[in-house]
């Protein structure tokens, strides 16, 4: 029996023509999944304005791009007969014959075979079809999720996920108009209703959809308390999610598009072109700009707006302008710079084995006979480990080479504690203390580049500007004397320090 499949869009917002005024009046002007209270809408509008102040891609543009990615996914679905884009058109089901209705949010994705498979499973006695889905959350909910999993499979044997169900039109016609709209718009309502006795469900033990909780989703936006809260994300904005689970390969293209869009939030960079996407940060506000100057011991350091240049951008800039050929990364991570480094010869050392990665640090240095032009220290963010890692790195550094130390510039007291308090927030440990100790020595020249998490640069040459401060290495000292203690350099200053002609 050939049964048509109808795609039912829960919202129909044209983000291309959206304005602040129209967004503020969306309860009357925009077809949205959930009407908002005045207080909730005002809070969302404030969050949108914070987004636009911090990121180079406006909130409305970002939402439009998410919608376009989803539309491409739906176009690839074979077997969709009708697309309903207006909520009130659910009344059509009173007039139509037999069909299967597939609700979806504007940024979620389906398996391309789903609309062909549902008619094959059709049974006139079945009210609803449901399956497992994936939750794709590239950025953790602010302050909500200490153990962040970007992709997680969710099983729905006794309930439904956001877009992991389809309803037979005959079942919809049995419901009142109000209840019908509820089960189409809200998966919780659909799960509560159709999991009751008296309804027949057909469960498909496969993952056939993906719920995309992007940073622009309302659930994320509701956690924005200040511009500072958005700066918890830089690590996630530039990461590459891999590997994608085998049973989610059908969504690999959509995930890739979403990741590239996400990366655009981290591309508001300096004009010095150290990275492929570097641009002027203009008037963007850094996390430090929200610090209270009245505190004698600030919990947030007042800093300049920091260009969103990544560690890998600095590495590749040195490779290109100093002619470096070999690269060693200590503290390998799958989301670190290793895979994007342009050196023809590169090696990574980690505390866990992996493809192309050596065993633990001690074993590597015991057997290593190579010398490297660029060495990145990005392991455990504790000063004693950094001191050990740097000394080991100096033992295999080629003459004229450079050691880079990541995570040198904490911006909050919490981020430089020796114990990480939250996996959802940046942690730099007390790496900065190790840098100060090298700054006090005469046999190495050290500066810290004021980009990203703070990138230390160490050359084996006479110290051009040793620090004579012998103050205790406390947060108070760091907050008051950061620039002098760490010999902070801007992008332009770095060129002179590294020895690159402008």
Protein backbone atom coordinates (compact mmCIF):
# COMPACT_ATOMS: atom_id res chain seq x y z
CA UNK A 1 0.00 0.00 0.00
CA UNK A 2 1.47 3.38 -1.02
CA UNK A 3 1.03 5.88 1.82
CA UNK A 4 2.28 9.45 1.34
CA UNK A 5 4.65 10.97 3.92
CA UNK A 6 4.02 14.59 4.93
CA UNK A 7 6.76 16.75 6.45
CA UNK A 8 5.25 19.10 9.05
CA UNK A 9 7.46 22.07 10.01
CA UNK A 10 6.89 23.24 13.54
CA UNK A 11 8.00 26.80 12.77
CA UNK A 12 8.15 28.94 9.65
CA UNK A 13 10.33 31.93 10.49
CA UNK A 14 11.93 33.81 7.62
CA UNK A 15 15.18 34.83 9.27
CA UNK A 16 16.37 36.62 6.11
CA UNK A 17 13.84 39.41 6.63
CA UNK A 18 13.88 39.36 10.42
CA UNK A 19 14.39 42.67 12.24
CA UNK A 20 14.71 43.50 15.92
CA UNK A 21 11.24 45.06 15.91
CA UNK A 22 9.65 42.08 14.19
CA UNK A 23 11.48 39.67 16.48
CA UNK A 24 10.17 41.57 19.51
CA UNK A 25 6.64 41.20 18.16
CA UNK A 26 7.01 37.58 17.14
CA UNK A 27 4.08 36.37 19.21
CA UNK A 28 1.80 38.14 16.74
CA UNK A 29 3.92 38.20 13.59
CA UNK A 30 5.87 34.96 13.50
CA UNK A 31 4.70 31.37 13.40
CA UNK A 32 6.79 29.80 16.15
CA UNK A 33 6.65 26.51 18.00
CA UNK A 34 6.02 28.01 21.40
CA UNK A 35 4.42 31.39 22.15
CA UNK A 36 6.56 33.22 24.71
CA UNK A 37 5.63 35.21 27.77
CA UNK A 38 6.62 38.86 27.81
CA UNK A 39 9.38 38.29 30.39
CA UNK A 40 10.84 35.36 28.48
CA UNK A 41 10.75 37.22 25.18
CA UNK A 42 12.46 40.28 26.67
CA UNK A 43 15.20 38.08 28.10
CA UNK A 44 15.65 36.40 24.71
CA UNK A 45 15.93 39.79 22.99
CA UNK A 46 18.64 40.83 25.45
CA UNK A 47 20.49 37.61 24.69
CA UNK A 48 20.23 38.24 20.95
CA UNK A 49 21.74 41.69 21.43
CA UNK A 50 24.61 40.22 23.47
CA UNK A 51 25.17 37.65 20.72
CA UNK A 52 25.38 40.42 18.11
CA UNK A 53 27.85 42.38 20.27
CA UNK A 54 30.18 39.41 20.71
CA UNK A 55 30.07 37.40 17.48
CA UNK A 56 30.86 38.45 13.90
CA UNK A 57 27.79 36.63 12.53
CA UNK A 58 24.46 38.15 13.54
CA UNK A 59 21.95 35.98 15.34
CA UNK A 60 19.36 36.22 12.55
CA UNK A 61 21.92 35.35 9.88
CA UNK A 62 23.07 32.39 11.93
CA UNK A 63 19.52 31.08 12.33
CA UNK A 64 18.89 31.46 8.61
CA UNK A 65 21.99 29.45 7.79
CA UNK A 66 20.90 26.71 10.20
CA UNK A 67 17.54 26.57 8.48
CA UNK A 68 19.20 26.31 5.04
CA UNK A 69 21.34 23.40 6.24
CA UNK A 70 18.20 21.62 7.44
CA UNK A 71 16.37 22.36 4.18
CA UNK A 72 19.20 20.70 2.25
CA UNK A 73 18.85 17.65 4.46
CA UNK A 74 15.11 17.44 3.80
CA UNK A 75 15.67 17.82 0.05
CA UNK A 76 17.82 14.70 0.17
CA UNK A 77 14.99 12.68 1.71
CA UNK A 78 13.42 10.34 -0.80
CA UNK A 79 9.67 9.88 -0.56
CA UNK A 80 8.46 13.18 0.94
CA UNK A 81 5.19 14.00 -0.83
CA UNK A 82 4.02 17.20 0.88
CA UNK A 83 5.63 19.83 3.10
CA UNK A 84 3.35 21.77 5.47
CA UNK A 85 4.96 25.04 6.56
CA UNK A 86 2.11 26.65 8.50
CA UNK A 87 0.92 25.26 11.84
CA UNK A 88 -2.75 25.96 11.24
CA UNK A 89 -2.77 23.71 8.17
CA UNK A 90 -3.03 20.66 10.42
CA UNK A 91 -6.76 21.03 9.70
CA UNK A 92 -6.01 19.52 6.28
CA UNK A 93 -5.77 16.13 7.92
CA UNK A 94 -9.53 16.21 8.44
CA UNK A 95 -9.95 16.26 4.66
CA UNK A 96 -7.08 14.09 3.49
CA UNK A 97 -7.01 10.34 3.28
CA UNK A 98 -4.36 8.08 4.73
CA UNK A 99 -0.87 9.53 5.24
CA UNK A 100 2.03 9.56 7.71
CA UNK A 101 2.94 12.91 9.28
CA UNK A 102 6.57 13.63 10.18
CA UNK A 103 7.05 16.68 12.49
CA UNK A 104 10.43 18.46 12.49
CA UNK A 105 12.11 21.56 13.92
CA UNK A 106 13.75 24.00 11.53
CA UNK A 107 17.31 22.95 12.40
CA UNK A 108 16.94 19.17 12.76
CA UNK A 109 17.79 16.42 10.29
CA UNK A 110 16.40 13.06 9.12
CA UNK A 111 17.93 9.93 7.62
CA UNK A 112 17.48 10.18 3.81
CA UNK A 113 15.72 6.79 3.68
CA UNK A 114 13.19 7.49 6.45
CA UNK A 115 10.32 8.70 4.22
CA UNK A 116 10.69 5.62 2.02
CA UNK A 117 10.83 3.21 4.95
CA UNK A 118 7.77 4.47 6.82
CA UNK A 119 5.27 3.46 4.08
CA UNK A 120 6.90 0.01 3.98
CA UNK A 121 6.13 -0.33 7.69
CA UNK A 122 2.61 1.04 7.39
CA UNK A 123 -0.06 -0.78 9.32
CA UNK A 124 -3.61 0.70 9.51
CA UNK A 125 -3.77 -0.33 13.17
CA UNK A 126 -0.62 1.60 14.15
CA UNK A 127 -1.08 5.11 15.55
CA UNK A 128 2.52 6.26 15.70
CA UNK A 129 5.99 5.20 14.53
CA UNK A 130 9.05 6.13 16.57
CA UNK A 131 12.79 5.44 16.65
CA UNK A 132 16.02 6.39 18.37
CA UNK A 133 17.78 9.63 17.53
CA UNK A 134 21.08 11.42 18.04
CA UNK A 135 21.45 14.60 20.06
CA UNK A 136 24.03 16.90 18.48
CA UNK A 137 25.08 19.61 20.92
CA UNK A 138 28.37 21.14 19.69
CA UNK A 139 28.48 23.66 22.53
CA UNK A 140 27.61 22.77 26.15
CA UNK A 141 24.73 24.48 27.87
CA UNK A 142 26.28 27.30 29.89
CA UNK A 143 26.64 26.29 33.51
CA UNK A 144 24.52 23.19 32.97
CA UNK A 145 26.67 20.40 31.63
CA UNK A 146 29.98 19.40 33.27
CA UNK A 147 30.36 16.27 31.10
CA UNK A 148 29.83 17.54 27.59
CA UNK A 149 29.19 14.97 24.84
CA UNK A 150 28.85 16.69 21.44
CA UNK A 151 26.99 13.68 20.00
CA UNK A 152 24.94 11.22 22.01
CA UNK A 153 22.56 8.48 20.93
CA UNK A 154 19.22 8.58 22.71
CA UNK A 155 16.87 5.63 23.00
CA UNK A 156 13.13 6.25 23.04
CA UNK A 157 11.57 2.87 23.74
CA UNK A 158 8.90 4.45 25.98
CA UNK A 159 8.93 8.11 24.94
CA UNK A 160 9.79 10.31 21.95
CA UNK A 161 12.64 12.66 21.11
CA UNK A 162 12.31 16.06 19.43
CA UNK A 163 11.80 14.67 15.93
CA UNK A 164 11.94 10.91 16.42
CA UNK A 165 8.29 10.08 15.70
CA UNK A 166 5.72 10.08 12.91
CA UNK A 167 1.93 9.95 13.35
CA UNK A 168 -0.70 8.25 11.18
CA UNK A 169 -3.24 10.80 9.92
CA UNK A 170 -6.09 8.53 10.98
CA UNK A 171 -4.86 8.88 14.56
CA UNK A 172 -4.66 12.66 14.23
CA UNK A 173 -8.25 12.81 13.05
CA UNK A 174 -9.36 11.12 16.28
CA UNK A 175 -7.97 14.01 18.33
CA UNK A 176 -9.43 17.41 19.07
CA UNK A 177 -7.81 20.26 17.08
CA UNK A 178 -6.06 21.55 20.21
CA UNK A 179 -4.63 18.13 21.17
CA UNK A 180 -3.71 17.43 17.55
CA UNK A 181 -1.61 20.59 17.42
CA UNK A 182 -0.01 19.74 20.76
CA UNK A 183 1.26 16.34 19.63
CA UNK A 184 2.56 17.79 16.35
CA UNK A 185 4.42 20.66 18.02
CA UNK A 186 5.66 19.04 21.23
CA UNK A 187 7.34 15.65 21.38
CA UNK A 188 6.68 15.46 25.13
CA UNK A 189 2.93 15.73 24.49
CA UNK A 190 3.12 13.14 21.72
CA UNK A 191 5.10 10.74 23.89
CA UNK A 192 2.76 11.17 26.84
CA UNK A 193 -0.32 10.55 24.71
CA UNK A 194 0.74 7.72 22.44
CA UNK A 195 2.55 5.75 25.14
CA UNK A 196 -0.74 5.38 27.01
CA UNK A 197 -2.77 2.18 26.84
CA UNK A 198 -5.13 2.14 23.91
CA UNK A 199 -2.62 3.40 21.34
CA UNK A 200 -0.46 1.15 19.21
CA UNK A 201 3.14 2.11 18.55
CA UNK A 202 5.70 0.70 16.14
CA UNK A 203 9.24 1.11 17.50
CA UNK A 204 12.17 1.11 15.04
CA UNK A 205 15.42 0.14 16.78
CA UNK A 206 17.62 2.47 14.70
CA UNK A 207 18.81 6.09 14.84
CA UNK A 208 16.93 7.80 12.02
CA UNK A 209 17.02 11.47 13.05
CA UNK A 210 19.28 14.03 14.67
CA UNK A 211 18.24 16.82 17.01
CA UNK A 212 20.59 19.78 16.58
CA UNK A 213 20.84 21.93 19.72
CA UNK A 214 22.90 24.74 18.21
CA UNK A 215 24.29 27.69 20.21
CA UNK A 216 21.48 29.77 18.69
CA UNK A 217 18.70 27.57 20.04
CA UNK A 218 16.35 29.15 22.55
CA UNK A 219 17.48 26.67 25.20
CA UNK A 220 21.06 27.92 24.84
CA UNK A 221 20.13 31.58 24.57
CA UNK A 222 18.21 31.47 27.83
CA UNK A 223 21.49 30.79 29.66
CA UNK A 224 23.21 33.96 28.42
CA UNK A 225 23.57 36.13 31.51
CA UNK A 226 26.33 38.40 30.19
CA UNK A 227 28.75 38.81 27.32
CA UNK A 228 31.31 37.13 29.53
CA UNK A 229 29.26 33.93 29.51
CA UNK A 230 29.72 33.61 25.74
CA UNK A 231 33.49 33.43 26.09
CA UNK A 232 33.17 29.97 27.61
CA UNK A 233 32.82 28.70 24.06
CA UNK A 234 36.02 29.46 22.07
CA UNK A 235 37.40 25.94 22.55
CA UNK A 236 34.27 24.43 21.04
CA UNK A 237 33.86 27.01 18.28
CA UNK A 238 37.04 25.99 16.44
CA UNK A 239 37.08 22.27 17.20
CA UNK A 240 36.52 19.55 14.63
CA UNK A 241 34.12 16.88 15.82
CA UNK A 242 35.51 13.45 15.04
CA UNK A 243 34.97 10.69 14.64
CA UNK A 244 31.30 10.81 13.66
CA UNK A 245 29.63 7.54 14.77
CA UNK A 246 29.23 4.96 12.02
CA UNK A 247 25.44 4.95 12.30
CA UNK A 248 25.40 8.74 11.91
CA UNK A 249 27.42 8.91 8.70
CA UNK A 250 24.25 9.81 6.81
CA UNK A 251 24.40 13.20 8.58
CA UNK A 252 28.14 13.80 8.10
CA UNK A 253 27.60 16.44 5.41
CA UNK A 254 25.06 18.36 7.51
CA UNK A 255 27.32 18.16 10.57
CA UNK A 256 30.23 19.47 8.51
CA UNK A 257 28.17 22.44 7.31
CA UNK A 258 27.02 23.15 10.88
CA UNK A 259 30.62 22.98 12.14
CA UNK A 260 31.84 25.39 9.50
CA UNK A 261 29.05 27.77 10.42
CA UNK A 262 29.97 27.39 14.09
CA UNK A 263 33.58 28.18 13.23
CA UNK A 264 32.51 31.53 11.80
CA UNK A 265 31.68 32.65 15.34
CA UNK A 266 35.40 32.30 16.09
CA UNK A 267 36.69 34.13 12.99
CA UNK A 268 36.52 37.75 14.14
CA UNK A 269 40.29 38.08 14.13
CA UNK A 270 43.13 40.54 13.70
CA UNK A 271 44.15 42.07 10.35
CA UNK A 272 47.68 40.66 10.64
CA UNK A 273 46.47 37.55 8.78
CA UNK A 274 48.11 35.03 11.05
CA UNK A 275 45.14 32.75 10.38
CA UNK A 276 43.20 32.00 7.23
CA UNK A 277 40.13 33.78 8.59
CA UNK A 278 41.76 36.63 10.51
CA UNK A 279 39.91 39.97 10.59
CA UNK A 280 39.91 43.01 12.84
CA UNK A 281 38.17 42.49 16.16
CA UNK A 282 36.85 46.04 15.97
CA UNK A 283 34.66 46.95 18.92
CA UNK A 284 33.96 43.42 20.12
CA UNK A 285 33.86 43.26 23.89
CA UNK A 286 36.09 40.82 25.72
CA UNK A 287 35.16 38.92 28.85
CA UNK A 288 37.41 41.21 30.85
CA UNK A 289 35.44 44.29 29.88
CA UNK A 290 32.68 43.19 32.24
CA UNK A 291 34.96 43.03 35.28
CA UNK A 292 34.23 45.26 38.22
CA UNK A 293 37.06 47.74 38.74
CA UNK A 294 36.00 48.32 42.33
CA UNK A 295 37.32 44.98 43.61
CA UNK A 296 40.80 45.21 45.17
CA UNK A 297 41.44 41.62 44.08
CA UNK A 298 39.55 41.13 40.81
CA UNK A 299 38.16 37.73 39.90
CA UNK A 300 38.38 38.77 36.24
CA UNK A 301 41.47 40.39 34.73
CA UNK A 302 40.96 43.58 32.73
CA UNK A 303 42.50 42.87 29.32
CA UNK A 304 42.30 44.22 25.82
CA UNK A 305 39.83 42.63 23.42
CA UNK A 306 41.75 39.49 22.49
CA UNK A 307 41.90 38.46 18.81
CA UNK A 308 40.35 35.05 18.26
CA UNK A 309 43.50 33.61 16.69
CA UNK A 310 44.08 29.96 17.39
CA UNK A 311 47.22 28.21 18.53
CA UNK A 312 47.44 26.40 15.19
CA UNK A 313 47.37 29.76 13.38
CA UNK A 314 50.46 30.89 15.29
CA UNK A 315 52.21 27.58 14.56
CA UNK A 316 51.50 27.77 10.84
CA UNK A 317 52.53 31.43 10.73
CA UNK A 318 55.93 30.50 12.17
CA UNK A 319 56.26 27.58 9.76
CA UNK A 320 55.51 29.84 6.81
CA UNK A 321 57.64 32.85 7.79
CA UNK A 322 60.59 31.12 9.48
CA UNK A 323 60.87 28.21 7.05
CA UNK A 324 60.31 25.62 9.79
CA UNK A 325 59.89 22.04 8.58
CA UNK A 326 59.38 19.86 11.67
CA UNK A 327 56.77 19.96 14.42
CA UNK A 328 56.32 18.22 17.77
CA UNK A 329 53.14 18.43 19.83
CA UNK A 330 53.29 17.46 23.51
CA UNK A 331 49.84 16.90 24.93
CA UNK A 332 48.11 15.58 21.82
CA UNK A 333 44.33 15.88 21.68
CA UNK A 334 42.00 15.02 18.80
CA UNK A 335 40.65 18.58 18.86
CA UNK A 336 44.11 20.16 19.16
CA UNK A 337 46.21 21.73 16.40
CA UNK A 338 48.08 18.61 15.21
CA UNK A 339 45.94 17.67 12.20
CA UNK A 340 45.92 21.25 10.89
CA UNK A 341 49.65 21.96 11.24
CA UNK A 342 51.30 22.48 7.84
CA UNK A 343 54.79 21.15 8.65
CA UNK A 344 55.91 18.33 6.32
CA UNK A 345 57.23 16.32 9.29
CA UNK A 346 55.23 16.23 12.50
CA UNK A 347 54.97 14.04 15.58
CA UNK A 348 52.54 14.07 18.51
CA UNK A 349 53.08 12.74 22.02
CA UNK A 350 50.16 11.83 24.25
CA UNK A 351 49.42 9.93 27.41
CA UNK A 352 47.16 7.67 25.42
CA UNK A 353 48.08 5.91 22.18
CA UNK A 354 46.28 6.65 18.94
CA UNK A 355 46.74 6.69 15.20
CA UNK A 356 50.00 8.49 14.34
CA UNK A 357 50.59 9.24 18.03
CA UNK A 358 53.46 8.00 20.16
CA UNK A 359 53.06 6.43 23.56
CA UNK A 360 53.56 8.34 26.80
CA UNK A 361 55.97 11.28 27.01
CA UNK A 362 58.70 9.47 28.94
CA UNK A 363 58.94 6.61 26.45
CA UNK A 364 59.04 9.01 23.53
CA UNK A 365 61.92 11.12 24.82
CA UNK A 366 63.88 8.03 25.87
CA UNK A 367 63.83 6.80 22.28
CA UNK A 368 63.68 10.06 20.31
CA UNK A 369 66.61 10.95 18.05
CA UNK A 370 64.90 13.75 16.09
CA UNK A 371 65.11 17.51 16.47
CA UNK A 372 62.20 19.84 15.85
CA UNK A 373 61.76 23.43 14.68
CA UNK A 374 58.47 24.05 16.49
CA UNK A 375 57.37 22.33 19.69
CA UNK A 376 53.99 22.95 21.32
CA UNK A 377 53.47 22.34 25.05
CA UNK A 378 49.78 21.68 25.55
CA UNK A 379 49.58 18.91 28.13
CA UNK A 380 48.60 19.04 31.79
CA UNK A 381 48.09 22.69 32.74
CA UNK A 382 50.10 22.65 35.97
CA UNK A 383 53.28 24.65 36.39
CA UNK A 384 55.50 21.75 37.48
CA UNK A 385 54.44 19.67 34.46
CA UNK A 386 55.04 22.61 32.13
CA UNK A 387 58.54 23.08 33.58
CA UNK A 388 59.29 19.39 32.94
CA UNK A 389 57.76 19.45 29.44
CA UNK A 390 59.71 22.56 28.42
CA UNK A 391 63.02 21.14 29.62
CA UNK A 392 62.38 17.93 27.69
CA UNK A 393 61.43 19.99 24.64
CA UNK A 394 64.61 22.06 24.86
CA UNK A 395 66.58 18.85 24.64
CA UNK A 396 65.27 18.19 21.11
CA UNK A 397 64.78 21.76 19.84
CA UNK A 398 66.64 22.59 16.65
CA UNK A 399 68.87 25.66 16.74
CA UNK A 400 66.76 28.73 16.06
CA UNK A 401 63.57 26.85 16.81
CA UNK A 402 60.68 27.94 19.00
CA UNK A 403 58.75 26.37 21.87
CA UNK A 404 55.09 27.40 22.18
CA UNK A 405 53.32 27.09 25.53
CA UNK A 406 49.52 27.13 25.43
CA UNK A 407 47.07 28.49 28.04
CA UNK A 408 49.28 31.22 29.52
CA UNK A 409 46.68 33.97 30.05
CA UNK A 410 43.81 33.05 32.37
CA UNK A 411 41.10 35.72 32.50
CA UNK A 412 39.33 34.56 35.66
CA UNK A 413 40.46 33.39 39.07
CA UNK A 414 38.59 30.13 38.57
CA UNK A 415 40.30 29.33 35.27
CA UNK A 416 43.80 29.41 36.84
CA UNK A 417 43.09 27.20 39.84
CA UNK A 418 45.09 23.98 40.00
CA UNK A 419 41.89 21.94 40.14
CA UNK A 420 39.40 22.24 37.31
CA UNK A 421 35.98 23.09 38.73
CA UNK A 422 33.88 22.65 35.58
CA UNK A 423 34.44 20.84 32.30
CA UNK A 424 32.04 23.29 30.67
CA UNK A 425 34.35 26.26 31.33
CA UNK A 426 37.89 27.06 30.09
CA UNK A 427 40.70 25.88 32.36
CA UNK A 428 44.30 27.06 32.04
CA UNK A 429 45.65 26.00 35.38
CA UNK A 430 48.76 27.77 36.66
CA UNK A 431 50.76 27.53 33.44
CA UNK A 432 51.41 31.26 33.78
CA UNK A 433 53.55 30.61 36.86
CA UNK A 434 55.91 28.40 34.85
CA UNK A 435 56.21 31.14 32.23
CA UNK A 436 57.21 33.67 34.91
CA UNK A 437 59.91 31.30 36.11
CA UNK A 438 61.36 31.10 32.59
CA UNK A 439 61.12 34.89 32.37
CA UNK A 440 63.49 35.13 35.34
CA UNK A 441 66.19 33.08 33.61
CA UNK A 442 69.00 34.46 31.43
CA UNK A 443 69.35 31.48 29.07
CA UNK A 444 65.97 31.78 27.33
CA UNK A 445 63.90 34.58 25.84
CA UNK A 446 60.19 34.41 26.64
CA UNK A 447 57.11 36.41 25.71
CA UNK A 448 53.38 35.69 25.65
CA UNK A 449 51.25 36.43 22.62
CA UNK A 450 47.93 38.00 23.60
CA UNK A 451 45.70 35.80 21.44
CA UNK A 452 43.46 32.82 22.13
CA UNK A 453 44.21 31.36 25.56
CA UNK A 454 47.60 33.11 25.59
CA UNK A 455 50.46 31.54 23.61
CA UNK A 456 53.94 31.61 25.19
CA UNK A 457 56.94 31.88 22.85
CA UNK A 458 60.32 30.60 24.10
CA UNK A 459 63.61 30.87 22.19
CA UNK A 460 66.96 29.53 23.33
CA UNK A 461 68.87 32.79 23.33
CA UNK A 462 69.84 35.48 25.81
CA UNK A 463 66.85 36.90 27.61
CA UNK A 464 66.08 40.27 25.99
CA UNK A 465 63.93 41.46 28.88
CA UNK A 466 64.24 39.37 32.04
CA UNK A 467 61.84 40.12 34.84
CA UNK A 468 63.44 41.17 38.10
CA UNK A 469 60.23 40.88 40.07
CA UNK A 470 60.54 38.41 42.89
CA UNK A 471 56.98 38.72 44.09
CA UNK A 472 54.96 35.68 45.18
CA UNK A 473 53.15 34.06 42.26
CA UNK A 474 49.60 34.66 43.41
CA UNK A 475 46.45 35.59 41.55
CA UNK A 476 46.64 39.06 43.09
CA UNK A 477 50.12 39.54 41.65
CA UNK A 478 49.02 38.26 38.26
CA UNK A 479 45.96 40.51 38.17
CA UNK A 480 48.02 43.63 38.94
CA UNK A 481 51.23 42.92 37.00
CA UNK A 482 50.22 40.55 34.21
CA UNK A 483 51.74 42.45 31.28
CA UNK A 484 55.14 42.93 32.91
CA UNK A 485 55.31 39.50 34.51
CA UNK A 486 54.61 37.66 31.26
CA UNK A 487 56.10 40.10 28.73
CA UNK A 488 52.83 40.36 26.79
CA UNK A 489 53.15 40.97 23.04
CA UNK A 490 50.58 42.02 20.48
CA UNK A 491 50.53 40.50 17.00
CA UNK A 492 52.72 43.25 15.55
CA UNK A 493 55.13 43.11 18.51
CA UNK A 494 55.41 39.36 18.04
CA UNK A 495 56.90 39.77 14.56
CA UNK A 496 59.84 41.70 15.98
CA UNK A 497 60.27 39.28 18.89
CA UNK A 498 60.23 36.24 16.58
CA UNK A 499 62.51 37.90 14.04
CA UNK A 500 60.10 38.20 11.12
CA UNK A 501 60.33 41.18 8.80
CA UNK A 502 57.06 43.11 8.64
